Amino acid sequence: MEIPDDVVFTVEYSVRAAQMAVYEFLSIDRPIPPISHHDKSLHVQFEALVKAFK
């Protein structure tokens, strides 16, 4: 099962998937933390590019 709008290869995804499984298995009624959407602004992408070459 994939989690919509999430990135599969992150630790956050792994934790979210485990939480979802445990909460469902134990019938726990708590909200799962929201997915943090990464900033795709030009400024953030440029900063990431600069950091990649340091």
N, C-alpha and C. Protein backbone atom coordinates (compact mmCIF):
# COMPACT_ATOMS: atom_id res chain seq x y z
N MET A 1 0.84 -1.17 0.00
CA MET A 1 0.00 0.00 0.00
C MET A 1 0.89 1.24 0.00
N GLU A 2 0.60 2.17 -0.88
CA GLU A 2 1.32 3.44 -0.92
C GLU A 2 0.47 4.52 -0.26
N ILE A 3 1.16 5.49 0.31
CA ILE A 3 0.47 6.62 0.93
C ILE A 3 0.42 7.74 -0.11
N PRO A 4 -0.78 8.18 -0.49
CA PRO A 4 -0.89 9.23 -1.51
C PRO A 4 -0.17 10.51 -1.10
N ASP A 5 0.44 11.18 -2.06
CA ASP A 5 1.12 12.47 -1.87
C ASP A 5 2.35 12.40 -0.98
N ASP A 6 2.89 11.21 -0.73
CA ASP A 6 4.08 11.09 0.10
C ASP A 6 5.21 10.49 -0.73
N VAL A 7 6.44 10.70 -0.28
CA VAL A 7 7.62 10.21 -0.98
C VAL A 7 8.07 8.92 -0.31
N VAL A 8 8.19 7.85 -1.08
CA VAL A 8 8.39 6.51 -0.55
C VAL A 8 9.74 6.33 0.14
N PHE A 9 10.79 6.98 -0.28
CA PHE A 9 12.13 6.67 0.23
C PHE A 9 12.57 7.52 1.41
N THR A 10 11.64 8.14 2.13
CA THR A 10 12.02 8.95 3.28
C THR A 10 11.74 8.22 4.59
N VAL A 11 12.41 8.63 5.63
CA VAL A 11 12.16 8.08 6.96
C VAL A 11 10.75 8.44 7.41
N GLU A 12 10.34 9.66 7.06
CA GLU A 12 8.99 10.11 7.43
C GLU A 12 7.93 9.16 6.87
N TYR A 13 8.12 8.70 5.64
CA TYR A 13 7.17 7.77 5.02
C TYR A 13 7.14 6.46 5.81
N SER A 14 8.31 5.96 6.19
CA SER A 14 8.38 4.71 6.93
C SER A 14 7.67 4.81 8.27
N VAL A 15 7.89 5.92 8.96
CA VAL A 15 7.24 6.13 10.26
C VAL A 15 5.73 6.25 10.07
N ARG A 16 5.30 7.00 9.07
CA ARG A 16 3.88 7.17 8.81
C ARG A 16 3.21 5.84 8.49
N ALA A 17 3.85 5.04 7.67
CA ALA A 17 3.29 3.73 7.30
C ALA A 17 3.17 2.83 8.53
N ALA A 18 4.18 2.84 9.39
CA ALA A 18 4.13 2.04 10.61
C ALA A 18 3.02 2.53 11.54
N GLN A 19 2.90 3.84 11.69
CA GLN A 19 1.83 4.40 12.53
C GLN A 19 0.47 3.98 12.01
N MET A 20 0.28 4.09 10.70
CA MET A 20 -1.00 3.72 10.11
C MET A 20 -1.32 2.26 10.38
N ALA A 21 -0.33 1.39 10.22
CA ALA A 21 -0.54 -0.05 10.43
C ALA A 21 -0.88 -0.35 11.89
N VAL A 22 -0.11 0.21 12.81
CA VAL A 22 -0.34 -0.04 14.24
C VAL A 22 -1.69 0.53 14.68
N TYR A 23 -1.98 1.75 14.25
CA TYR A 23 -3.26 2.36 14.63
C TYR A 23 -4.44 1.54 14.11
N GLU A 24 -4.32 1.05 12.90
CA GLU A 24 -5.41 0.24 12.35
C GLU A 24 -5.50 -1.10 13.06
N PHE A 25 -4.37 -1.74 13.31
CA PHE A 25 -4.34 -3.06 13.96
C PHE A 25 -4.90 -3.00 15.38
N LEU A 26 -4.57 -1.94 16.11
CA LEU A 26 -5.01 -1.81 17.51
C LEU A 26 -6.26 -0.95 17.66
N SER A 27 -6.87 -0.54 16.56
CA SER A 27 -8.07 0.30 16.56
C SER A 27 -7.88 1.57 17.37
N ILE A 28 -6.74 2.22 17.18
CA ILE A 28 -6.44 3.48 17.85
C ILE A 28 -6.99 4.61 17.00
N ASP A 29 -7.74 5.50 17.64
CA ASP A 29 -8.35 6.61 16.90
C ASP A 29 -7.58 7.90 17.19
N ARG A 30 -6.43 8.03 16.55
CA ARG A 30 -5.61 9.24 16.65
C ARG A 30 -5.28 9.69 15.23
N PRO A 31 -5.12 11.00 15.06
CA PRO A 31 -4.75 11.46 13.72
C PRO A 31 -3.27 11.17 13.42
N ILE A 32 -2.99 10.81 12.19
CA ILE A 32 -1.62 10.64 11.72
C ILE A 32 -1.09 12.04 11.40
N PRO A 33 0.16 12.36 11.76
CA PRO A 33 0.69 13.69 11.44
C PRO A 33 0.59 13.97 9.94
N PRO A 34 0.30 15.21 9.59
CA PRO A 34 0.14 15.54 8.17
C PRO A 34 1.45 15.40 7.38
N ILE A 35 1.30 15.19 6.10
CA ILE A 35 2.46 15.10 5.20
C ILE A 35 3.00 16.50 4.99
N SER A 36 4.30 16.64 5.19
CA SER A 36 4.90 17.96 4.98
C SER A 36 5.32 18.07 3.51
N HIS A 37 4.65 18.95 2.80
CA HIS A 37 4.96 19.15 1.39
C HIS A 37 6.20 20.03 1.30
N HIS A 38 7.14 19.61 0.50
CA HIS A 38 8.39 20.33 0.40
C HIS A 38 8.23 21.57 -0.47
N ASP A 39 8.91 22.62 -0.07
CA ASP A 39 8.81 23.90 -0.77
C ASP A 39 9.46 23.79 -2.14
N LYS A 40 8.73 24.15 -3.18
CA LYS A 40 9.25 24.06 -4.54
C LYS A 40 9.52 25.44 -5.13
N SER A 41 9.69 26.43 -4.26
CA SER A 41 9.95 27.78 -4.76
C SER A 41 11.34 27.84 -5.38
N LEU A 42 11.54 28.76 -6.27
CA LEU A 42 12.81 28.92 -6.95
C LEU A 42 13.94 29.21 -5.96
N HIS A 43 13.66 30.01 -4.95
CA HIS A 43 14.67 30.34 -3.94
C HIS A 43 15.15 29.08 -3.21
N VAL A 44 14.23 28.25 -2.78
CA VAL A 44 14.60 27.03 -2.05
C VAL A 44 15.37 26.07 -2.96
N GLN A 45 14.95 25.94 -4.19
CA GLN A 45 15.65 25.05 -5.12
C GLN A 45 17.06 25.55 -5.40
N PHE A 46 17.24 26.86 -5.51
CA PHE A 46 18.56 27.42 -5.74
C PHE A 46 19.47 27.18 -4.54
N GLU A 47 18.94 27.39 -3.33
CA GLU A 47 19.71 27.13 -2.12
C GLU A 47 20.12 25.66 -2.04
N ALA A 48 19.25 24.76 -2.41
CA ALA A 48 19.58 23.34 -2.40
C ALA A 48 20.69 23.04 -3.40
N LEU A 49 20.64 23.67 -4.56
CA LEU A 49 21.68 23.47 -5.58
C LEU A 49 23.02 23.97 -5.08
N VAL A 50 23.03 25.13 -4.45
CA VAL A 50 24.28 25.68 -3.91
C VAL A 50 24.86 24.76 -2.85
N LYS A 51 24.02 24.27 -1.95
CA LYS A 51 24.47 23.37 -0.88
C LYS A 51 24.98 22.04 -1.44
N ALA A 52 24.42 21.60 -2.54
CA ALA A 52 24.82 20.33 -3.14
C ALA A 52 26.27 20.38 -3.64
N PHE A 53 26.75 21.57 -4.00
CA PHE A 53 28.09 21.70 -4.54
C PHE A 53 29.11 22.18 -3.52
N LYS A 54 28.73 22.28 -2.26
CA LYS A 54 29.68 22.69 -1.21
C LYS A 54 30.43 21.50 -0.69
